[in-house]
Protein backbone atom coordinates (compact mmCIF):
# COMPACT_ATOMS: atom_id res chain seq x y z
CA UNK A 1 0.00 0.00 0.00
CA UNK A 2 1.41 3.34 -0.97
CA UNK A 3 1.78 6.32 1.30
CA UNK A 4 -0.91 8.16 -0.68
CA UNK A 5 -3.42 5.31 -0.22
CA UNK A 6 -2.66 5.14 3.52
CA UNK A 7 -3.41 8.86 3.89
CA UNK A 8 -6.63 8.45 1.89
CA UNK A 9 -7.78 5.45 3.98
CA UNK A 10 -6.89 7.25 7.23
CA UNK A 11 -8.91 10.30 6.12
CA UNK A 12 -11.91 8.13 5.25
CA UNK A 13 -11.71 6.30 8.58
CA UNK A 14 -11.37 9.55 10.52
CA UNK A 15 -14.39 11.01 8.72
CA UNK A 16 -16.45 7.85 9.42
CA UNK A 17 -15.58 7.82 13.13
CA UNK A 18 -16.34 11.55 13.44
CA UNK A 19 -19.67 11.11 11.69
CA UNK A 20 -20.66 8.23 14.01
CA UNK A 21 -19.67 10.24 17.11
CA UNK A 22 -21.78 13.19 15.97
CA UNK A 23 -24.76 10.88 15.39
CA UNK A 24 -24.36 9.37 18.87
CA UNK A 25 -24.25 12.82 20.50
CA UNK A 26 -27.37 13.91 18.63
CA UNK A 27 -29.17 10.67 19.46
CA UNK A 28 -28.60 11.06 23.20
CA UNK A 29 -30.15 14.54 23.16
CA UNK A 30 -33.33 13.04 21.69
CA UNK A 31 -33.82 10.96 24.84
CA UNK A 32 -34.01 14.06 27.08
CA UNK A 33 -37.74 14.65 26.74
CA UNK A 34 -40.17 16.29 29.11
CA UNK A 35 -42.42 13.99 31.13
CA UNK A 36 -46.17 14.15 30.75
CA UNK A 37 -47.66 16.91 32.93
CA UNK A 38 -49.92 16.38 35.92
CA UNK A 39 -53.36 17.73 34.98
CA UNK A 40 -55.23 19.49 37.81
CA UNK A 41 -58.91 20.43 37.78
CA UNK A 42 -61.62 21.18 40.33
CA UNK A 43 -63.62 23.85 42.11
CA UNK A 44 -62.18 27.28 42.88
CA UNK A 45 -63.44 29.72 45.53
CA UNK A 46 -62.23 33.12 46.56
CA UNK A 47 -63.59 34.74 49.76
CA UNK A 48 -66.23 31.98 50.03
CA UNK A 49 -67.59 32.75 46.55
CA UNK A 50 -67.13 30.78 43.34
CA UNK A 51 -64.12 32.21 41.50
CA UNK A 52 -65.20 34.53 38.69
CA UNK A 53 -64.42 34.17 35.03
CA UNK A 54 -60.97 35.65 34.36
CA UNK A 55 -59.55 34.53 37.73
CA UNK A 56 -56.07 33.03 37.33
CA UNK A 57 -55.03 29.81 39.08
CA UNK A 58 -51.29 29.08 39.24
CA UNK A 59 -49.50 25.91 40.34
CA UNK A 60 -46.01 26.02 41.89
CA UNK A 61 -43.37 23.41 42.63
CA UNK A 62 -41.53 23.26 45.96
CA UNK A 63 -38.87 25.70 44.64
CA UNK A 64 -41.65 28.24 43.96
CA UNK A 65 -41.34 27.88 40.16
CA UNK A 66 -44.61 28.19 38.25
CA UNK A 67 -45.36 24.86 36.59
CA UNK A 68 -48.78 25.74 35.18
CA UNK A 69 -51.52 28.38 34.91
CA UNK A 70 -55.20 28.39 34.06
CA UNK A 71 -57.62 31.28 33.54
CA UNK A 72 -61.16 30.45 34.66
CA UNK A 73 -63.84 30.57 31.99
CA UNK A 74 -66.63 28.72 33.87
CA UNK A 75 -67.46 30.42 37.18
CA UNK A 76 -66.30 28.34 40.16
CA UNK A 77 -64.33 25.74 38.19
CA UNK A 78 -60.80 25.52 36.81
CA UNK A 79 -58.96 23.05 34.63
CA UNK A 80 -57.43 21.42 33.06
CA UNK A 81 -54.30 23.11 34.47
CA UNK A 82 -51.21 21.38 33.04
CA UNK A 83 -48.34 21.36 35.55
CA UNK A 84 -45.18 20.59 33.57
CA UNK A 85 -42.39 18.65 35.23
CA UNK A 86 -38.62 18.78 34.96
CA UNK A 87 -37.04 17.14 31.89
CA UNK A 88 -36.01 13.52 32.36
CA UNK A 89 -32.34 14.49 32.13
CA UNK A 90 -32.80 16.79 35.16
CA UNK A 91 -32.58 20.07 33.28
CA UNK A 92 -35.06 22.93 33.31
CA UNK A 93 -37.59 23.92 35.92
CA UNK A 94 -40.56 22.07 37.30
CA UNK A 95 -41.47 19.41 39.81
CA UNK A 96 -40.23 15.84 39.92
CA UNK A 97 -42.17 12.73 40.91
CA UNK A 98 -44.03 13.07 44.27
CA UNK A 99 -42.95 16.70 44.77
CA UNK A 100 -45.51 18.88 46.60
CA UNK A 101 -47.50 21.37 44.54
CA UNK A 102 -49.01 24.60 45.90
CA UNK A 103 -51.58 26.88 44.30
CA UNK A 104 -52.44 30.58 44.14
CA UNK A 105 -55.70 32.16 43.12
CA UNK A 106 -54.76 35.49 41.58
CA UNK A 107 -52.24 36.70 44.21
CA UNK A 108 -53.64 34.75 47.18
CA UNK A 109 -52.07 31.53 48.45
CA UNK A 110 -54.76 28.85 48.25
CA UNK A 111 -55.84 26.11 50.63
CA UNK A 112 -56.63 22.67 49.24
CA UNK A 113 -59.81 20.91 50.27
CA UNK A 114 -59.25 17.26 51.28
CA UNK A 115 -60.35 14.52 48.87
CA UNK A 116 -58.87 11.35 47.34
CA UNK A 117 -56.01 13.32 45.71
CA UNK A 118 -55.30 15.69 48.61
CA UNK A 119 -53.82 14.23 51.80
CA UNK A 120 -55.04 15.06 55.29
CA UNK A 121 -52.29 17.65 55.67
CA UNK A 122 -53.73 19.46 52.62
CA UNK A 123 -50.94 18.66 50.18
CA UNK A 124 -51.02 17.30 46.67
CA UNK A 125 -48.08 15.86 44.77
CA UNK A 126 -46.91 15.90 41.15
CA UNK A 127 -47.15 12.61 39.25
CA UNK A 128 -46.33 12.39 35.55
CA UNK A 129 -49.36 11.76 33.36
CA UNK A 130 -52.03 11.84 36.08
CA UNK A 131 -55.29 13.79 36.32
CA UNK A 132 -56.03 15.05 39.83
CA UNK A 133 -59.22 16.62 41.15
CA UNK A 134 -58.14 19.36 43.57
CA UNK A 135 -60.47 22.05 44.92
CA UNK A 136 -58.75 25.31 45.83
CA UNK A 137 -59.89 28.09 48.18
CA UNK A 138 -58.34 31.51 48.81
CA UNK A 139 -57.31 33.15 50.97
CA UNK A 140 -55.82 30.38 53.11
CA UNK A 141 -58.42 28.88 55.44
CA UNK A 142 -57.65 29.95 59.02
CA UNK A 143 -60.17 30.26 61.82
CA UNK A 144 -60.39 33.82 63.04
CA UNK A 145 -60.13 35.43 59.63
CA UNK A 146 -63.86 36.20 59.49
CA UNK A 147 -64.57 33.26 57.18
CA UNK A 148 -64.22 30.36 59.66
CA UNK A 149 -66.28 27.35 58.67
CA UNK A 150 -66.23 23.54 58.95
CA UNK A 151 -63.35 23.26 56.42
CA UNK A 152 -60.90 25.03 58.74
CA UNK A 153 -58.91 23.86 61.71
C-alpha atoms as a PDB file:
ATOM      1  CA  UNK A   1       0.000   0.000   0.000  1.00  0.00           C
ATOM      2  CA  UNK A   2       1.411   3.338  -0.975  1.00  0.00           C
ATOM      3  CA  UNK A   3       1.785   6.323   1.297  1.00  0.00           C
ATOM      4  CA  UNK A   4      -0.908   8.159  -0.677  1.00  0.00           C
ATOM      5  CA  UNK A   5      -3.419   5.305  -0.224  1.00  0.00           C
ATOM      6  CA  UNK A   6      -2.664   5.136   3.521  1.00  0.00           C
ATOM      7  CA  UNK A   7      -3.409   8.864   3.890  1.00  0.00           C
ATOM      8  CA  UNK A   8      -6.634   8.446   1.887  1.00  0.00           C
ATOM      9  CA  UNK A   9      -7.776   5.451   3.984  1.00  0.00           C
ATOM     10  CA  UNK A  10      -6.888   7.250   7.228  1.00  0.00           C
ATOM     11  CA  UNK A  11      -8.908  10.300   6.119  1.00  0.00           C
ATOM     12  CA  UNK A  12     -11.907   8.128   5.248  1.00  0.00           C
ATOM     13  CA  UNK A  13     -11.711   6.297   8.581  1.00  0.00           C
ATOM     14  CA  UNK A  14     -11.372   9.555  10.516  1.00  0.00           C
ATOM     15  CA  UNK A  15     -14.387  11.008   8.723  1.00  0.00           C
ATOM     16  CA  UNK A  16     -16.448   7.849   9.423  1.00  0.00           C
ATOM     17  CA  UNK A  17     -15.579   7.820  13.132  1.00  0.00           C
ATOM     18  CA  UNK A  18     -16.335  11.550  13.441  1.00  0.00           C
ATOM     19  CA  UNK A  19     -19.671  11.106  11.689  1.00  0.00           C
ATOM     20  CA  UNK A  20     -20.657   8.230  14.008  1.00  0.00           C
ATOM     21  CA  UNK A  21     -19.672  10.239  17.109  1.00  0.00           C
ATOM     22  CA  UNK A  22     -21.785  13.194  15.973  1.00  0.00           C
ATOM     23  CA  UNK A  23     -24.764  10.883  15.392  1.00  0.00           C
ATOM     24  CA  UNK A  24     -24.364   9.370  18.875  1.00  0.00           C
ATOM     25  CA  UNK A  25     -24.250  12.818  20.498  1.00  0.00           C
ATOM     26  CA  UNK A  26     -27.368  13.909  18.632  1.00  0.00           C
ATOM     27  CA  UNK A  27     -29.165  10.669  19.456  1.00  0.00           C
ATOM     28  CA  UNK A  28     -28.601  11.058  23.202  1.00  0.00           C
ATOM     29  CA  UNK A  29     -30.151  14.539  23.163  1.00  0.00           C
ATOM     30  CA  UNK A  30     -33.332  13.040  21.693  1.00  0.00           C
ATOM     31  CA  UNK A  31     -33.823  10.959  24.842  1.00  0.00           C
ATOM     32  CA  UNK A  32     -34.010  14.064  27.085  1.00  0.00           C
ATOM     33  CA  UNK A  33     -37.740  14.649  26.737  1.00  0.00           C
ATOM     34  CA  UNK A  34     -40.174  16.293  29.111  1.00  0.00           C
ATOM     35  CA  UNK A  35     -42.422  13.993  31.133  1.00  0.00           C
ATOM     36  CA  UNK A  36     -46.173  14.151  30.752  1.00  0.00           C
ATOM     37  CA  UNK A  37     -47.660  16.910  32.930  1.00  0.00           C
ATOM     38  CA  UNK A  38     -49.921  16.381  35.917  1.00  0.00           C
ATOM     39  CA  UNK A  39     -53.358  17.728  34.985  1.00  0.00           C
ATOM     40  CA  UNK A  40     -55.226  19.492  37.809  1.00  0.00           C
ATOM     41  CA  UNK A  41     -58.907  20.434  37.777  1.00  0.00           C
ATOM     42  CA  UNK A  42     -61.617  21.184  40.326  1.00  0.00           C
ATOM     43  CA  UNK A  43     -63.619  23.849  42.110  1.00  0.00           C
ATOM     44  CA  UNK A  44     -62.183  27.285  42.884  1.00  0.00           C
ATOM     45  CA  UNK A  45     -63.442  29.715  45.530  1.00  0.00           C
ATOM     46  CA  UNK A  46     -62.229  33.118  46.562  1.00  0.00           C
ATOM     47  CA  UNK A  47     -63.589  34.741  49.763  1.00  0.00           C
ATOM     48  CA  UNK A  48     -66.235  31.984  50.032  1.00  0.00           C
ATOM     49  CA  UNK A  49     -67.594  32.751  46.555  1.00  0.00           C
ATOM     50  CA  UNK A  50     -67.127  30.784  43.339  1.00  0.00           C
ATOM     51  CA  UNK A  51     -64.125  32.215  41.499  1.00  0.00           C
ATOM     52  CA  UNK A  52     -65.202  34.527  38.691  1.00  0.00           C
ATOM     53  CA  UNK A  53     -64.423  34.167  35.025  1.00  0.00           C
ATOM     54  CA  UNK A  54     -60.969  35.649  34.361  1.00  0.00           C
ATOM     55  CA  UNK A  55     -59.553  34.526  37.734  1.00  0.00           C
ATOM     56  CA  UNK A  56     -56.066  33.034  37.331  1.00  0.00           C
ATOM     57  CA  UNK A  57     -55.031  29.810  39.080  1.00  0.00           C
ATOM     58  CA  UNK A  58     -51.292  29.083  39.241  1.00  0.00           C
ATOM     59  CA  UNK A  59     -49.500  25.913  40.345  1.00  0.00           C
ATOM     60  CA  UNK A  60     -46.006  26.022  41.888  1.00  0.00           C
ATOM     61  CA  UNK A  61     -43.371  23.407  42.627  1.00  0.00           C
ATOM     62  CA  UNK A  62     -41.534  23.259  45.961  1.00  0.00           C
ATOM     63  CA  UNK A  63     -38.875  25.699  44.637  1.00  0.00           C
ATOM     64  CA  UNK A  64     -41.647  28.238  43.956  1.00  0.00           C
ATOM     65  CA  UNK A  65     -41.338  27.882  40.159  1.00  0.00           C
ATOM     66  CA  UNK A  66     -44.609  28.191  38.250  1.00  0.00           C
ATOM     67  CA  UNK A  67     -45.357  24.856  36.592  1.00  0.00           C
ATOM     68  CA  UNK A  68     -48.778  25.744  35.178  1.00  0.00           C
ATOM     69  CA  UNK A  69     -51.524  28.376  34.913  1.00  0.00           C
ATOM     70  CA  UNK A  70     -55.203  28.394  34.060  1.00  0.00           C
ATOM     71  CA  UNK A  71     -57.621  31.279  33.535  1.00  0.00           C
ATOM     72  CA  UNK A  72     -61.159  30.445  34.662  1.00  0.00           C
ATOM     73  CA  UNK A  73     -63.842  30.568  31.987  1.00  0.00           C
ATOM     74  CA  UNK A  74     -66.630  28.723  33.870  1.00  0.00           C
ATOM     75  CA  UNK A  75     -67.461  30.419  37.183  1.00  0.00           C
ATOM     76  CA  UNK A  76     -66.301  28.339  40.159  1.00  0.00           C
ATOM     77  CA  UNK A  77     -64.327  25.736  38.193  1.00  0.00           C
ATOM     78  CA  UNK A  78     -60.799  25.516  36.813  1.00  0.00           C
ATOM     79  CA  UNK A  79     -58.959  23.054  34.632  1.00  0.00           C
ATOM     80  CA  UNK A  80     -57.432  21.421  33.059  1.00  0.00           C
ATOM     81  CA  UNK A  81     -54.299  23.106  34.470  1.00  0.00           C
ATOM     82  CA  UNK A  82     -51.212  21.382  33.045  1.00  0.00           C
ATOM     83  CA  UNK A  83     -48.342  21.364  35.547  1.00  0.00           C
ATOM     84  CA  UNK A  84     -45.185  20.588  33.565  1.00  0.00           C
ATOM     85  CA  UNK A  85     -42.391  18.646  35.227  1.00  0.00           C
ATOM     86  CA  UNK A  86     -38.617  18.785  34.964  1.00  0.00           C
ATOM     87  CA  UNK A  87     -37.045  17.141  31.889  1.00  0.00           C
ATOM     88  CA  UNK A  88     -36.012  13.520  32.361  1.00  0.00           C
ATOM     89  CA  UNK A  89     -32.341  14.491  32.126  1.00  0.00           C
ATOM     90  CA  UNK A  90     -32.799  16.787  35.162  1.00  0.00           C
ATOM     91  CA  UNK A  91     -32.581  20.071  33.280  1.00  0.00           C
ATOM     92  CA  UNK A  92     -35.058  22.925  33.310  1.00  0.00           C
ATOM     93  CA  UNK A  93     -37.594  23.919  35.920  1.00  0.00           C
ATOM     94  CA  UNK A  94     -40.558  22.074  37.304  1.00  0.00           C
ATOM     95  CA  UNK A  95     -41.467  19.414  39.809  1.00  0.00           C
ATOM     96  CA  UNK A  96     -40.232  15.843  39.923  1.00  0.00           C
ATOM     97  CA  UNK A  97     -42.166  12.729  40.905  1.00  0.00           C
ATOM     98  CA  UNK A  98     -44.030  13.073  44.270  1.00  0.00           C
ATOM     99  CA  UNK A  99     -42.950  16.703  44.765  1.00  0.00           C
ATOM    100  CA  UNK A 100     -45.507  18.879  46.603  1.00  0.00           C
ATOM    101  CA  UNK A 101     -47.496  21.368  44.539  1.00  0.00           C
ATOM    102  CA  UNK A 102     -49.010  24.597  45.901  1.00  0.00           C
ATOM    103  CA  UNK A 103     -51.576  26.885  44.299  1.00  0.00           C
ATOM    104  CA  UNK A 104     -52.439  30.576  44.145  1.00  0.00           C
ATOM    105  CA  UNK A 105     -55.702  32.159  43.122  1.00  0.00           C
ATOM    106  CA  UNK A 106     -54.757  35.487  41.584  1.00  0.00           C
ATOM    107  CA  UNK A 107     -52.238  36.698  44.206  1.00  0.00           C
ATOM    108  CA  UNK A 108     -53.638  34.746  47.185  1.00  0.00           C
ATOM    109  CA  UNK A 109     -52.071  31.526  48.452  1.00  0.00           C
ATOM    110  CA  UNK A 110     -54.763  28.854  48.254  1.00  0.00           C
ATOM    111  CA  UNK A 111     -55.837  26.106  50.631  1.00  0.00           C
ATOM    112  CA  UNK A 112     -56.626  22.674  49.238  1.00  0.00           C
ATOM    113  CA  UNK A 113     -59.808  20.908  50.271  1.00  0.00           C
ATOM    114  CA  UNK A 114     -59.246  17.261  51.284  1.00  0.00           C
ATOM    115  CA  UNK A 115     -60.348  14.522  48.867  1.00  0.00           C
ATOM    116  CA  UNK A 116     -58.867  11.347  47.341  1.00  0.00           C
ATOM    117  CA  UNK A 117     -56.014  13.324  45.711  1.00  0.00           C
ATOM    118  CA  UNK A 118     -55.299  15.695  48.611  1.00  0.00           C
ATOM    119  CA  UNK A 119     -53.821  14.233  51.804  1.00  0.00           C
ATOM    120  CA  UNK A 120     -55.043  15.059  55.292  1.00  0.00           C
ATOM    121  CA  UNK A 121     -52.290  17.653  55.667  1.00  0.00           C
ATOM    122  CA  UNK A 122     -53.733  19.458  52.619  1.00  0.00           C
ATOM    123  CA  UNK A 123     -50.942  18.656  50.183  1.00  0.00           C
ATOM    124  CA  UNK A 124     -51.025  17.302  46.665  1.00  0.00           C
ATOM    125  CA  UNK A 125     -48.078  15.861  44.766  1.00  0.00           C
ATOM    126  CA  UNK A 126     -46.909  15.899  41.150  1.00  0.00           C
ATOM    127  CA  UNK A 127     -47.154  12.611  39.245  1.00  0.00           C
ATOM    128  CA  UNK A 128     -46.334  12.389  35.550  1.00  0.00           C
ATOM    129  CA  UNK A 129     -49.360  11.765  33.358  1.00  0.00           C
ATOM    130  CA  UNK A 130     -52.035  11.836  36.077  1.00  0.00           C
ATOM    131  CA  UNK A 131     -55.293  13.791  36.317  1.00  0.00           C
ATOM    132  CA  UNK A 132     -56.029  15.049  39.830  1.00  0.00           C
ATOM    133  CA  UNK A 133     -59.221  16.618  41.153  1.00  0.00           C
ATOM    134  CA  UNK A 134     -58.143  19.359  43.569  1.00  0.00           C
ATOM    135  CA  UNK A 135     -60.475  22.050  44.923  1.00  0.00           C
ATOM    136  CA  UNK A 136     -58.752  25.315  45.834  1.00  0.00           C
ATOM    137  CA  UNK A 137     -59.889  28.089  48.179  1.00  0.00           C
ATOM    138  CA  UNK A 138     -58.342  31.506  48.808  1.00  0.00           C
ATOM    139  CA  UNK A 139     -57.311  33.150  50.965  1.00  0.00           C
ATOM    140  CA  UNK A 140     -55.818  30.377  53.112  1.00  0.00           C
ATOM    141  CA  UNK A 141     -58.422  28.885  55.442  1.00  0.00           C
ATOM    142  CA  UNK A 142     -57.654  29.945  59.019  1.00  0.00           C
ATOM    143  CA  UNK A 143     -60.175  30.259  61.817  1.00  0.00           C
ATOM    144  CA  UNK A 144     -60.392  33.818  63.036  1.00  0.00           C
ATOM    145  CA  UNK A 145     -60.132  35.431  59.630  1.00  0.00           C
ATOM    146  CA  UNK A 146     -63.859  36.201  59.489  1.00  0.00           C
ATOM    147  CA  UNK A 147     -64.573  33.264  57.176  1.00  0.00           C
ATOM    148  CA  UNK A 148     -64.218  30.362  59.657  1.00  0.00           C
ATOM    149  CA  UNK A 149     -66.278  27.350  58.672  1.00  0.00           C
ATOM    150  CA  UNK A 150     -66.231  23.542  58.947  1.00  0.00           C
ATOM    151  CA  UNK A 151     -63.354  23.260  56.422  1.00  0.00           C
ATOM    152  CA  UNK A 152     -60.897  25.034  58.737  1.00  0.00           C
ATOM    153  CA  UNK A 153     -58.911  23.862  61.714  1.00  0.00           C
END
